[in-house]
Structure formats: structure tokens, C-alpha cells
Amino acid sequence: QVLKVSTGGDVSFYEDTGTTAKMVWDSSAESLGIGTSAPSRQLTVQNSGNAIAAITSGTSSSSFLLMGDTDSDNIGMLKYNNADNSLGFYAGSNSSERMRIDSSGNVGIGTSSPNSYAGQTTLNINSAGVARLDLDIGNTMQGFLLAESGYTGLFTPSGSNYLMFGTNNTERMRIDSSGRVGIGTSSF
């Protein structure tokens, strides 16, 4: 037996010996299981080794994984572009590209053209000429890197005691909250 249709509407496809169901449609749970007879989600792919699902397209086309709600299945999206071998992350009501990893491993946040240096992360937060990278521990900001037209700066938030710079895992310079600079010392 290779195919079994139960009276309740369940459908099972068996492997070549006909003893173990390898693909099951559970009609009561409206779930499809591949490699399992008891799917735990709407789609469950299970294997005792690596479980692999493939979405493929033509060499100059793209493969998509769409996510959303009942009103739209295009609110979040992963897109693999075979033409330039990039992976795009899309989010928002118009599903705009928010991050890209190119074929060299460069990461672009807020830009579809990451820096050309291998392993480099390009940050382009908004189109108003300002890029800001917050450095948080938990939900508490510890500092931020800010770039605007004409300058780049590293800042501590209000109430911070000092900004520290170091080399070889050792503090070398400190700027305290009053703006005093200590080089080679942690006291003023």
C-alpha cells in the first residue's frame, strides 16, 4: 500500500515498502507532515538527520518566503536573488527591503548596496541624512554611534559617567561627563 485515504479525510503516502507513512495530511488539524505521521504545525518537515526544505527558481529569478496576516501575505519576506546571489529581508506594510546580505558576506541595513569591503556592515538607517547605531544592554542604552552630513561621533547617553577608549583590552583614554580628558589614567 503506497497511498491510504481514511474515512475522516486523512491522507497518508508511504515509503516504498508500504509500512511507514512519510507524508501525511491530517484533516482534523489541517496540517501536512513530511517525514512524520503526526505534524505539530500546519507544515512540519521532520528527519532524523538534517531537515531541508528547498525553494528554488531560475538562475536569473528569485525565490521568496512570504509572511503576513490574513489581510496580506506580503508584510514580511525573505528573498533570495539568484541573479546577484543576495539575500534580502523585507518588512513593513509595503514590504520594503530593510537588510541585505550580498554574495561577499557584506551586510547592508537600510541599504540594498552594502559596502564593498568583505565582511563589512553598511548602516543606513534613514534617508534624512542621519545614521545611528544604538549600543544597548538589555533595554538600557549604553552609547550610540551617530553619523550626519559632515561629522561622525560616538556618544554616551545622558547621565553616563565617562566614555572609555582602549587597546589590547586595557583602558588608554577616558573622557568624563564634564569633558575632561585623561590619557593613560582613569583619574583626573
N, C-alpha and C. Protein backbone atom coordinates (compact mmCIF):
# COMPACT_ATOMS: atom_id res chain seq x y z
N GLN A 1 0.85 -1.18 0.00
CA GLN A 1 0.00 0.00 0.00
C GLN A 1 0.89 1.24 0.00
N VAL A 2 0.73 2.11 -0.96
CA VAL A 2 1.52 3.33 -1.09
C VAL A 2 0.71 4.55 -0.69
N LEU A 3 -0.60 4.51 -0.85
CA LEU A 3 -1.49 5.62 -0.53
C LEU A 3 -2.65 5.10 0.30
N LYS A 4 -2.97 5.84 1.37
CA LYS A 4 -4.12 5.47 2.20
C LYS A 4 -4.96 6.71 2.44
N VAL A 5 -6.25 6.65 2.14
CA VAL A 5 -7.18 7.73 2.41
C VAL A 5 -8.16 7.22 3.46
N SER A 6 -8.16 7.86 4.64
CA SER A 6 -9.04 7.43 5.73
C SER A 6 -10.42 8.05 5.56
N THR A 7 -11.40 7.46 6.21
CA THR A 7 -12.77 7.97 6.12
C THR A 7 -12.89 9.37 6.71
N GLY A 8 -12.03 9.74 7.64
CA GLY A 8 -12.07 11.07 8.23
C GLY A 8 -11.44 12.14 7.36
N GLY A 9 -10.87 11.75 6.23
CA GLY A 9 -10.27 12.72 5.32
C GLY A 9 -8.75 12.78 5.40
N ASP A 10 -8.13 12.00 6.31
CA ASP A 10 -6.67 11.96 6.39
C ASP A 10 -6.12 11.23 5.16
N VAL A 11 -4.97 11.72 4.67
CA VAL A 11 -4.31 11.10 3.53
C VAL A 11 -2.88 10.79 3.93
N SER A 12 -2.43 9.56 3.66
CA SER A 12 -1.07 9.15 4.00
C SER A 12 -0.38 8.57 2.78
N PHE A 13 0.86 9.01 2.54
CA PHE A 13 1.70 8.44 1.49
C PHE A 13 2.81 7.66 2.18
N TYR A 14 3.04 6.42 1.73
CA TYR A 14 4.00 5.54 2.38
C TYR A 14 5.27 5.42 1.56
N GLU A 15 6.37 5.05 2.25
CA GLU A 15 7.62 4.78 1.56
C GLU A 15 7.49 3.50 0.76
N ASP A 16 8.53 3.13 0.04
CA ASP A 16 8.44 2.06 -0.96
C ASP A 16 8.06 0.69 -0.41
N THR A 17 8.29 0.43 0.89
CA THR A 17 7.89 -0.87 1.45
C THR A 17 6.43 -0.87 1.87
N GLY A 18 5.82 0.29 1.98
CA GLY A 18 4.41 0.40 2.35
C GLY A 18 4.13 0.24 3.83
N THR A 19 5.17 0.36 4.68
CA THR A 19 4.95 0.15 6.12
C THR A 19 4.97 1.44 6.94
N THR A 20 5.63 2.49 6.47
CA THR A 20 5.75 3.72 7.25
C THR A 20 5.26 4.91 6.43
N ALA A 21 4.32 5.66 7.02
CA ALA A 21 3.81 6.86 6.35
C ALA A 21 4.89 7.95 6.38
N LYS A 22 5.23 8.49 5.23
CA LYS A 22 6.28 9.52 5.13
C LYS A 22 5.72 10.90 4.82
N MET A 23 4.47 10.97 4.34
CA MET A 23 3.80 12.25 4.14
C MET A 23 2.34 12.07 4.53
N VAL A 24 1.87 12.94 5.44
CA VAL A 24 0.53 12.77 5.99
C VAL A 24 -0.21 14.10 5.96
N TRP A 25 -1.45 14.08 5.47
CA TRP A 25 -2.36 15.21 5.61
C TRP A 25 -3.33 14.86 6.73
N ASP A 26 -3.25 15.61 7.84
CA ASP A 26 -4.14 15.42 8.98
C ASP A 26 -5.30 16.39 8.79
N SER A 27 -6.45 15.88 8.36
CA SER A 27 -7.57 16.76 8.00
C SER A 27 -8.17 17.47 9.21
N SER A 28 -8.20 16.83 10.38
CA SER A 28 -8.80 17.48 11.55
C SER A 28 -7.95 18.66 12.02
N ALA A 29 -6.61 18.55 11.91
CA ALA A 29 -5.72 19.64 12.32
C ALA A 29 -5.36 20.54 11.14
N GLU A 30 -5.80 20.15 9.95
CA GLU A 30 -5.43 20.87 8.72
C GLU A 30 -3.93 21.09 8.66
N SER A 31 -3.18 19.99 8.81
CA SER A 31 -1.73 20.04 8.87
C SER A 31 -1.13 19.01 7.94
N LEU A 32 0.02 19.36 7.36
CA LEU A 32 0.75 18.47 6.47
C LEU A 32 2.08 18.11 7.10
N GLY A 33 2.36 16.82 7.17
CA GLY A 33 3.62 16.36 7.72
C GLY A 33 4.42 15.65 6.67
N ILE A 34 5.68 16.04 6.51
CA ILE A 34 6.61 15.36 5.62
C ILE A 34 7.69 14.75 6.49
N GLY A 35 7.80 13.43 6.44
CA GLY A 35 8.76 12.74 7.30
C GLY A 35 8.20 12.44 8.67
N THR A 36 6.93 12.74 8.89
CA THR A 36 6.27 12.46 10.17
C THR A 36 4.80 12.14 9.92
N SER A 37 4.25 11.27 10.74
CA SER A 37 2.82 10.96 10.64
C SER A 37 2.00 11.79 11.62
N ALA A 38 2.68 12.63 12.42
CA ALA A 38 1.99 13.47 13.40
C ALA A 38 2.51 14.90 13.31
N PRO A 39 2.09 15.65 12.28
CA PRO A 39 2.57 17.03 12.15
C PRO A 39 2.12 17.90 13.32
N SER A 40 3.06 18.68 13.88
CA SER A 40 2.75 19.53 15.03
C SER A 40 2.39 20.95 14.62
N ARG A 41 2.58 21.30 13.39
CA ARG A 41 2.26 22.63 12.85
C ARG A 41 1.50 22.44 11.53
N GLN A 42 1.09 23.56 10.92
CA GLN A 42 0.40 23.46 9.64
C GLN A 42 1.28 22.77 8.60
N LEU A 43 2.60 22.99 8.67
CA LEU A 43 3.56 22.28 7.83
C LEU A 43 4.72 21.87 8.73
N THR A 44 4.97 20.57 8.82
CA THR A 44 6.08 20.05 9.60
C THR A 44 6.95 19.20 8.69
N VAL A 45 8.23 19.56 8.61
CA VAL A 45 9.20 18.76 7.87
C VAL A 45 10.14 18.17 8.91
N GLN A 46 10.21 16.85 8.96
CA GLN A 46 10.97 16.19 10.02
C GLN A 46 11.87 15.11 9.42
N ASN A 47 13.07 14.97 9.99
CA ASN A 47 14.01 13.95 9.57
C ASN A 47 14.89 13.62 10.76
N SER A 48 15.39 12.42 10.84
CA SER A 48 16.27 12.07 11.96
C SER A 48 17.63 12.74 11.82
N GLY A 49 18.01 13.12 10.61
CA GLY A 49 19.22 13.91 10.37
C GLY A 49 18.83 15.35 10.09
N ASN A 50 19.51 15.99 9.17
CA ASN A 50 19.16 17.36 8.79
C ASN A 50 17.82 17.37 8.07
N ALA A 51 16.98 18.33 8.39
CA ALA A 51 15.71 18.51 7.69
C ALA A 51 15.88 19.70 6.74
N ILE A 52 15.63 19.48 5.47
CA ILE A 52 15.88 20.51 4.47
C ILE A 52 14.63 20.73 3.64
N ALA A 53 14.20 21.97 3.53
CA ALA A 53 13.12 22.35 2.62
C ALA A 53 13.74 23.26 1.56
N ALA A 54 13.41 23.06 0.32
CA ALA A 54 14.02 23.84 -0.76
C ALA A 54 12.97 24.67 -1.49
N ILE A 55 13.32 25.92 -1.75
CA ILE A 55 12.52 26.80 -2.60
C ILE A 55 13.49 27.24 -3.70
N THR A 56 13.27 26.80 -4.90
CA THR A 56 14.21 27.09 -5.98
C THR A 56 13.51 27.84 -7.11
N SER A 57 14.33 28.57 -7.87
CA SER A 57 13.82 29.31 -9.03
C SER A 57 14.89 29.31 -10.11
N GLY A 58 14.60 29.94 -11.23
CA GLY A 58 15.54 30.01 -12.33
C GLY A 58 16.80 30.80 -11.97
N THR A 59 17.87 30.62 -12.73
CA THR A 59 19.17 31.23 -12.40
C THR A 59 19.16 32.75 -12.41
N SER A 60 18.23 33.37 -13.09
CA SER A 60 18.17 34.84 -13.07
C SER A 60 16.90 35.33 -12.39
N SER A 61 16.23 34.45 -11.67
CA SER A 61 15.00 34.80 -10.95
C SER A 61 15.25 34.77 -9.46
N SER A 62 14.19 34.88 -8.67
CA SER A 62 14.30 34.92 -7.21
C SER A 62 13.39 33.91 -6.57
N SER A 63 13.76 33.49 -5.34
CA SER A 63 12.93 32.62 -4.52
C SER A 63 12.44 33.43 -3.33
N PHE A 64 11.17 33.24 -2.94
CA PHE A 64 10.55 34.06 -1.91
C PHE A 64 9.94 33.20 -0.81
N LEU A 65 9.98 33.71 0.41
CA LEU A 65 9.22 33.17 1.54
C LEU A 65 8.43 34.35 2.09
N LEU A 66 7.10 34.30 1.93
CA LEU A 66 6.24 35.41 2.34
C LEU A 66 5.63 35.13 3.70
N MET A 67 5.52 36.17 4.53
CA MET A 67 4.90 36.07 5.85
C MET A 67 3.94 37.24 6.01
N GLY A 68 2.88 37.03 6.73
CA GLY A 68 1.93 38.11 6.93
C GLY A 68 0.77 37.68 7.79
N ASP A 69 -0.37 38.36 7.60
CA ASP A 69 -1.57 38.04 8.35
C ASP A 69 -2.68 37.69 7.38
N THR A 70 -3.90 37.56 7.88
CA THR A 70 -5.00 37.15 7.00
C THR A 70 -5.36 38.22 5.97
N ASP A 71 -4.96 39.48 6.20
CA ASP A 71 -5.25 40.55 5.23
C ASP A 71 -4.21 40.62 4.13
N SER A 72 -2.97 40.24 4.44
CA SER A 72 -1.91 40.32 3.45
C SER A 72 -0.82 39.30 3.77
N ASP A 73 -0.39 38.56 2.75
CA ASP A 73 0.69 37.60 2.95
C ASP A 73 2.03 38.20 2.56
N ASN A 74 2.09 39.53 2.43
CA ASN A 74 3.30 40.17 1.95
C ASN A 74 3.76 41.28 2.89
N ILE A 75 3.68 41.04 4.21
CA ILE A 75 4.13 42.04 5.19
C ILE A 75 5.60 41.82 5.52
N GLY A 76 6.00 40.56 5.61
CA GLY A 76 7.39 40.21 5.82
C GLY A 76 7.81 39.24 4.72
N MET A 77 9.08 39.30 4.32
CA MET A 77 9.50 38.46 3.21
C MET A 77 11.01 38.22 3.27
N LEU A 78 11.41 37.01 2.93
CA LEU A 78 12.79 36.70 2.63
C LEU A 78 12.87 36.48 1.14
N LYS A 79 13.87 37.09 0.51
CA LYS A 79 14.01 36.97 -0.95
C LYS A 79 15.45 36.61 -1.27
N TYR A 80 15.64 35.47 -1.96
CA TYR A 80 16.97 35.13 -2.44
C TYR A 80 17.00 35.43 -3.93
N ASN A 81 17.89 36.35 -4.33
CA ASN A 81 18.01 36.78 -5.71
C ASN A 81 19.13 35.99 -6.37
N ASN A 82 18.77 35.07 -7.27
CA ASN A 82 19.78 34.25 -7.95
C ASN A 82 20.65 35.06 -8.89
N ALA A 83 20.16 36.19 -9.40
CA ALA A 83 20.93 36.98 -10.35
C ALA A 83 22.19 37.55 -9.72
N ASP A 84 22.12 38.01 -8.45
CA ASP A 84 23.32 38.55 -7.80
C ASP A 84 23.68 37.81 -6.51
N ASN A 85 23.00 36.68 -6.26
CA ASN A 85 23.26 35.84 -5.08
C ASN A 85 23.20 36.63 -3.78
N SER A 86 22.14 37.42 -3.61
CA SER A 86 21.95 38.18 -2.38
C SER A 86 20.69 37.68 -1.66
N LEU A 87 20.67 37.88 -0.34
CA LEU A 87 19.52 37.53 0.48
C LEU A 87 18.96 38.81 1.06
N GLY A 88 17.70 39.12 0.75
CA GLY A 88 17.07 40.34 1.22
C GLY A 88 16.02 40.04 2.28
N PHE A 89 15.96 40.91 3.30
CA PHE A 89 14.98 40.82 4.38
C PHE A 89 14.04 42.01 4.23
N TYR A 90 12.75 41.74 4.09
CA TYR A 90 11.76 42.77 3.83
C TYR A 90 10.77 42.82 4.99
N ALA A 91 10.31 44.02 5.33
CA ALA A 91 9.33 44.17 6.41
C ALA A 91 8.53 45.44 6.21
N GLY A 92 7.35 45.49 6.82
CA GLY A 92 6.51 46.67 6.75
C GLY A 92 5.33 46.45 5.84
N SER A 93 4.37 47.37 5.92
CA SER A 93 3.13 47.21 5.16
C SER A 93 3.36 47.20 3.66
N ASN A 94 4.41 47.86 3.18
CA ASN A 94 4.71 47.81 1.75
C ASN A 94 5.85 46.84 1.46
N SER A 95 6.23 46.05 2.46
CA SER A 95 7.27 45.03 2.35
C SER A 95 8.53 45.59 1.70
N SER A 96 9.08 46.65 2.30
CA SER A 96 10.30 47.27 1.80
C SER A 96 11.52 46.51 2.28
N GLU A 97 12.57 46.48 1.46
CA GLU A 97 13.80 45.82 1.86
C GLU A 97 14.44 46.59 3.01
N ARG A 98 14.74 45.89 4.11
CA ARG A 98 15.31 46.51 5.31
C ARG A 98 16.76 46.10 5.54
N MET A 99 17.15 44.91 5.04
CA MET A 99 18.52 44.44 5.22
C MET A 99 18.87 43.51 4.07
N ARG A 100 20.16 43.51 3.68
CA ARG A 100 20.62 42.64 2.60
C ARG A 100 21.98 42.06 2.96
N ILE A 101 22.15 40.78 2.66
CA ILE A 101 23.45 40.14 2.73
C ILE A 101 23.83 39.82 1.30
N ASP A 102 24.96 40.39 0.81
CA ASP A 102 25.34 40.15 -0.57
C ASP A 102 26.20 38.90 -0.69
N SER A 103 26.59 38.56 -1.91
CA SER A 103 27.33 37.32 -2.16
C SER A 103 28.71 37.30 -1.53
N SER A 104 29.25 38.47 -1.14
CA SER A 104 30.56 38.53 -0.47
C SER A 104 30.44 38.47 1.05
N GLY A 105 29.21 38.44 1.56
CA GLY A 105 29.02 38.43 3.01
C GLY A 105 28.87 39.81 3.60
N ASN A 106 28.85 40.85 2.77
CA ASN A 106 28.61 42.20 3.26
C ASN A 106 27.17 42.34 3.69
N VAL A 107 26.94 43.07 4.79
CA VAL A 107 25.59 43.27 5.32
C VAL A 107 25.22 44.73 5.17
N GLY A 108 24.08 44.99 4.59
CA GLY A 108 23.57 46.35 4.47
C GLY A 108 22.27 46.47 5.24
N ILE A 109 22.20 47.39 6.19
CA ILE A 109 20.98 47.64 6.94
C ILE A 109 20.42 48.97 6.47
N GLY A 110 19.25 48.93 5.87
CA GLY A 110 18.65 50.15 5.34
C GLY A 110 19.20 50.53 3.97
N THR A 111 19.99 49.65 3.36
CA THR A 111 20.53 49.90 2.03
C THR A 111 20.60 48.59 1.27
N SER A 112 20.38 48.66 -0.03
CA SER A 112 20.49 47.46 -0.87
C SER A 112 21.86 47.35 -1.51
N SER A 113 22.77 48.28 -1.17
CA SER A 113 24.14 48.26 -1.70
C SER A 113 25.14 48.30 -0.55
N PRO A 114 25.37 47.15 0.12
CA PRO A 114 26.33 47.15 1.22
C PRO A 114 27.72 47.54 0.76
N ASN A 115 28.53 48.02 1.70
CA ASN A 115 29.90 48.41 1.40
C ASN A 115 30.62 47.28 0.69
N SER A 116 31.59 47.60 -0.15
CA SER A 116 32.26 46.59 -0.95
C SER A 116 33.39 45.90 -0.22
N TYR A 117 33.65 46.26 1.04
CA TYR A 117 34.70 45.59 1.80
C TYR A 117 34.15 44.29 2.36
N ALA A 118 34.87 43.21 2.17
CA ALA A 118 34.40 41.89 2.61
C ALA A 118 34.12 41.89 4.10
N GLY A 119 32.95 41.37 4.46
CA GLY A 119 32.57 41.27 5.86
C GLY A 119 32.15 42.59 6.48
N GLN A 120 32.02 43.64 5.69
CA GLN A 120 31.69 44.97 6.18
C GLN A 120 30.18 45.11 6.36
N THR A 121 29.77 45.81 7.40
CA THR A 121 28.36 46.13 7.59
C THR A 121 28.14 47.60 7.25
N THR A 122 27.21 47.85 6.35
CA THR A 122 26.85 49.21 5.98
C THR A 122 25.54 49.55 6.67
N LEU A 123 25.51 50.65 7.39
CA LEU A 123 24.31 51.06 8.12
C LEU A 123 23.78 52.35 7.51
N ASN A 124 22.55 52.31 7.06
CA ASN A 124 21.91 53.48 6.51
C ASN A 124 20.49 53.49 7.06
N ILE A 125 20.33 54.07 8.25
CA ILE A 125 19.07 53.96 8.96
C ILE A 125 17.93 54.69 8.28
N ASN A 126 18.15 55.90 7.83
CA ASN A 126 17.04 56.61 7.19
C ASN A 126 17.56 57.48 6.05
N SER A 127 16.64 58.05 5.31
CA SER A 127 17.01 58.84 4.14
C SER A 127 17.16 60.32 4.47
N ALA A 128 17.07 60.69 5.75
CA ALA A 128 17.16 62.10 6.14
C ALA A 128 18.61 62.52 6.39
N GLY A 129 19.56 61.70 5.98
CA GLY A 129 20.97 62.06 6.14
C GLY A 129 21.54 61.72 7.51
N VAL A 130 20.86 60.87 8.27
CA VAL A 130 21.32 60.52 9.61
C VAL A 130 21.37 59.00 9.74
N ALA A 131 22.49 58.49 10.23
CA ALA A 131 22.60 57.06 10.56
C ALA A 131 22.97 56.97 12.03
N ARG A 132 22.27 56.13 12.77
CA ARG A 132 22.53 55.99 14.20
C ARG A 132 22.49 54.52 14.56
N LEU A 133 23.50 54.09 15.29
CA LEU A 133 23.58 52.73 15.78
C LEU A 133 23.61 52.79 17.30
N ASP A 134 22.54 52.32 17.95
CA ASP A 134 22.46 52.32 19.40
C ASP A 134 23.14 51.08 19.96
N LEU A 135 23.88 51.26 21.04
CA LEU A 135 24.56 50.18 21.73
C LEU A 135 23.84 49.97 23.06
N ASP A 136 23.04 48.92 23.13
CA ASP A 136 22.19 48.68 24.30
C ASP A 136 22.63 47.41 25.03
N ILE A 137 22.41 47.41 26.34
CA ILE A 137 22.49 46.20 27.14
C ILE A 137 21.09 46.03 27.73
N GLY A 138 20.44 44.93 27.35
CA GLY A 138 19.04 44.79 27.71
C GLY A 138 18.25 45.90 27.04
N ASN A 139 17.49 46.64 27.80
CA ASN A 139 16.74 47.77 27.26
C ASN A 139 17.34 49.11 27.65
N THR A 140 18.60 49.11 28.09
CA THR A 140 19.24 50.33 28.54
C THR A 140 20.35 50.73 27.56
N MET A 141 20.23 51.93 26.99
CA MET A 141 21.23 52.41 26.06
C MET A 141 22.53 52.74 26.80
N GLN A 142 23.64 52.23 26.29
CA GLN A 142 24.95 52.49 26.86
C GLN A 142 25.74 53.51 26.05
N GLY A 143 25.34 53.69 24.80
CA GLY A 143 26.01 54.65 23.92
C GLY A 143 25.45 54.52 22.52
N PHE A 144 25.90 55.43 21.64
CA PHE A 144 25.46 55.34 20.25
C PHE A 144 26.49 55.97 19.33
N LEU A 145 26.52 55.44 18.12
CA LEU A 145 27.35 55.96 17.05
C LEU A 145 26.42 56.72 16.12
N LEU A 146 26.76 57.99 15.85
CA LEU A 146 25.89 58.84 15.05
C LEU A 146 26.69 59.41 13.88
N ALA A 147 26.12 59.34 12.70
CA ALA A 147 26.75 59.93 11.52
C ALA A 147 25.73 60.82 10.82
N GLU A 148 26.11 62.07 10.63
CA GLU A 148 25.30 63.01 9.86
C GLU A 148 26.21 63.63 8.82
N SER A 149 25.63 64.36 7.91
CA SER A 149 26.42 65.01 6.89
C SER A 149 27.46 65.93 7.53
N GLY A 150 28.72 65.64 7.35
CA GLY A 150 29.79 66.49 7.87
C GLY A 150 30.46 65.99 9.13
N TYR A 151 29.85 65.02 9.87
CA TYR A 151 30.54 64.53 11.06
C TYR A 151 30.05 63.14 11.47
N THR A 152 30.88 62.48 12.23
CA THR A 152 30.57 61.19 12.84
C THR A 152 30.99 61.27 14.29
N GLY A 153 30.20 60.72 15.19
CA GLY A 153 30.55 60.80 16.60
C GLY A 153 30.12 59.58 17.38
N LEU A 154 30.81 59.35 18.48
CA LEU A 154 30.47 58.31 19.43
C LEU A 154 30.03 59.00 20.70
N PHE A 155 28.85 58.67 21.20
CA PHE A 155 28.26 59.39 22.31
C PHE A 155 27.84 58.44 23.43
N THR A 156 27.81 58.96 24.65
CA THR A 156 27.19 58.26 25.77
C THR A 156 25.87 58.95 26.06
N PRO A 157 24.91 58.23 26.61
CA PRO A 157 23.62 58.85 26.89
C PRO A 157 23.71 59.76 28.12
N SER A 158 22.67 60.54 28.32
CA SER A 158 22.59 61.43 29.47
C SER A 158 22.75 60.63 30.76
N GLY A 159 23.54 61.17 31.68
CA GLY A 159 23.75 60.51 32.96
C GLY A 159 24.94 59.57 33.00
N SER A 160 25.61 59.36 31.87
CA SER A 160 26.77 58.48 31.86
C SER A 160 27.96 59.15 32.53
N ASN A 161 28.79 58.35 33.17
CA ASN A 161 29.96 58.88 33.86
C ASN A 161 31.10 59.22 32.92
N TYR A 162 31.38 58.35 31.95
CA TYR A 162 32.51 58.60 31.05
C TYR A 162 32.43 57.73 29.81
N LEU A 163 33.26 58.12 28.83
CA LEU A 163 33.45 57.38 27.59
C LEU A 163 34.89 56.89 27.60
N MET A 164 35.09 55.60 27.40
CA MET A 164 36.41 54.99 27.53
C MET A 164 36.91 54.49 26.18
N PHE A 165 38.20 54.63 25.93
CA PHE A 165 38.86 54.10 24.74
C PHE A 165 40.00 53.19 25.20
N GLY A 166 40.23 52.12 24.48
CA GLY A 166 41.28 51.21 24.91
C GLY A 166 41.91 50.46 23.76
N THR A 167 43.07 49.89 24.04
CA THR A 167 43.76 48.98 23.13
C THR A 167 44.26 47.81 23.95
N ASN A 168 44.43 46.65 23.31
CA ASN A 168 44.96 45.47 23.96
C ASN A 168 44.19 45.15 25.24
N ASN A 169 42.88 45.35 25.20
CA ASN A 169 41.98 45.07 26.32
C ASN A 169 42.31 45.90 27.57
N THR A 170 42.91 47.07 27.39
CA THR A 170 43.29 47.94 28.50
C THR A 170 42.84 49.36 28.20
N GLU A 171 42.27 50.05 29.20
CA GLU A 171 41.86 51.44 29.03
C GLU A 171 43.08 52.32 28.76
N ARG A 172 42.99 53.18 27.73
CA ARG A 172 44.08 54.08 27.37
C ARG A 172 43.69 55.55 27.48
N MET A 173 42.37 55.84 27.34
CA MET A 173 41.93 57.23 27.40
C MET A 173 40.50 57.25 27.92
N ARG A 174 40.16 58.33 28.66
CA ARG A 174 38.83 58.47 29.21
C ARG A 174 38.39 59.92 29.07
N ILE A 175 37.12 60.10 28.68
CA ILE A 175 36.51 61.43 28.67
C ILE A 175 35.37 61.37 29.68
N ASP A 176 35.44 62.21 30.72
CA ASP A 176 34.40 62.15 31.74
C ASP A 176 33.21 63.02 31.34
N SER A 177 32.16 63.00 32.17
CA SER A 177 30.91 63.70 31.83
C SER A 177 31.07 65.20 31.78
N SER A 178 32.17 65.75 32.35
CA SER A 178 32.45 67.19 32.28
C SER A 178 33.25 67.57 31.06
N GLY A 179 33.71 66.56 30.29
CA GLY A 179 34.51 66.83 29.09
C GLY A 179 36.01 66.77 29.35
N ARG A 180 36.42 66.44 30.57
CA ARG A 180 37.85 66.32 30.86
C ARG A 180 38.39 65.05 30.22
N VAL A 181 39.63 65.12 29.72
CA VAL A 181 40.26 64.01 29.05
C VAL A 181 41.43 63.50 29.88
N GLY A 182 41.45 62.21 30.12
CA GLY A 182 42.57 61.58 30.80
C GLY A 182 43.22 60.58 29.87
N ILE A 183 44.49 60.74 29.57
CA ILE A 183 45.21 59.81 28.70
C ILE A 183 46.19 59.03 29.56
N GLY A 184 46.05 57.70 29.55
CA GLY A 184 46.93 56.85 30.35
C GLY A 184 46.57 56.85 31.83
N THR A 185 45.43 57.43 32.18
CA THR A 185 44.98 57.44 33.57
C THR A 185 43.47 57.38 33.62
N SER A 186 42.92 56.80 34.67
CA SER A 186 41.48 56.74 34.84
C SER A 186 40.99 57.76 35.85
N SER A 187 41.95 58.55 36.40
CA SER A 187 41.56 59.58 37.37
C SER A 187 42.01 60.94 36.87
N PHE A 188 41.36 62.01 37.34
CA PHE A 188 41.66 63.36 36.87
C PHE A 188 42.12 64.22 38.01
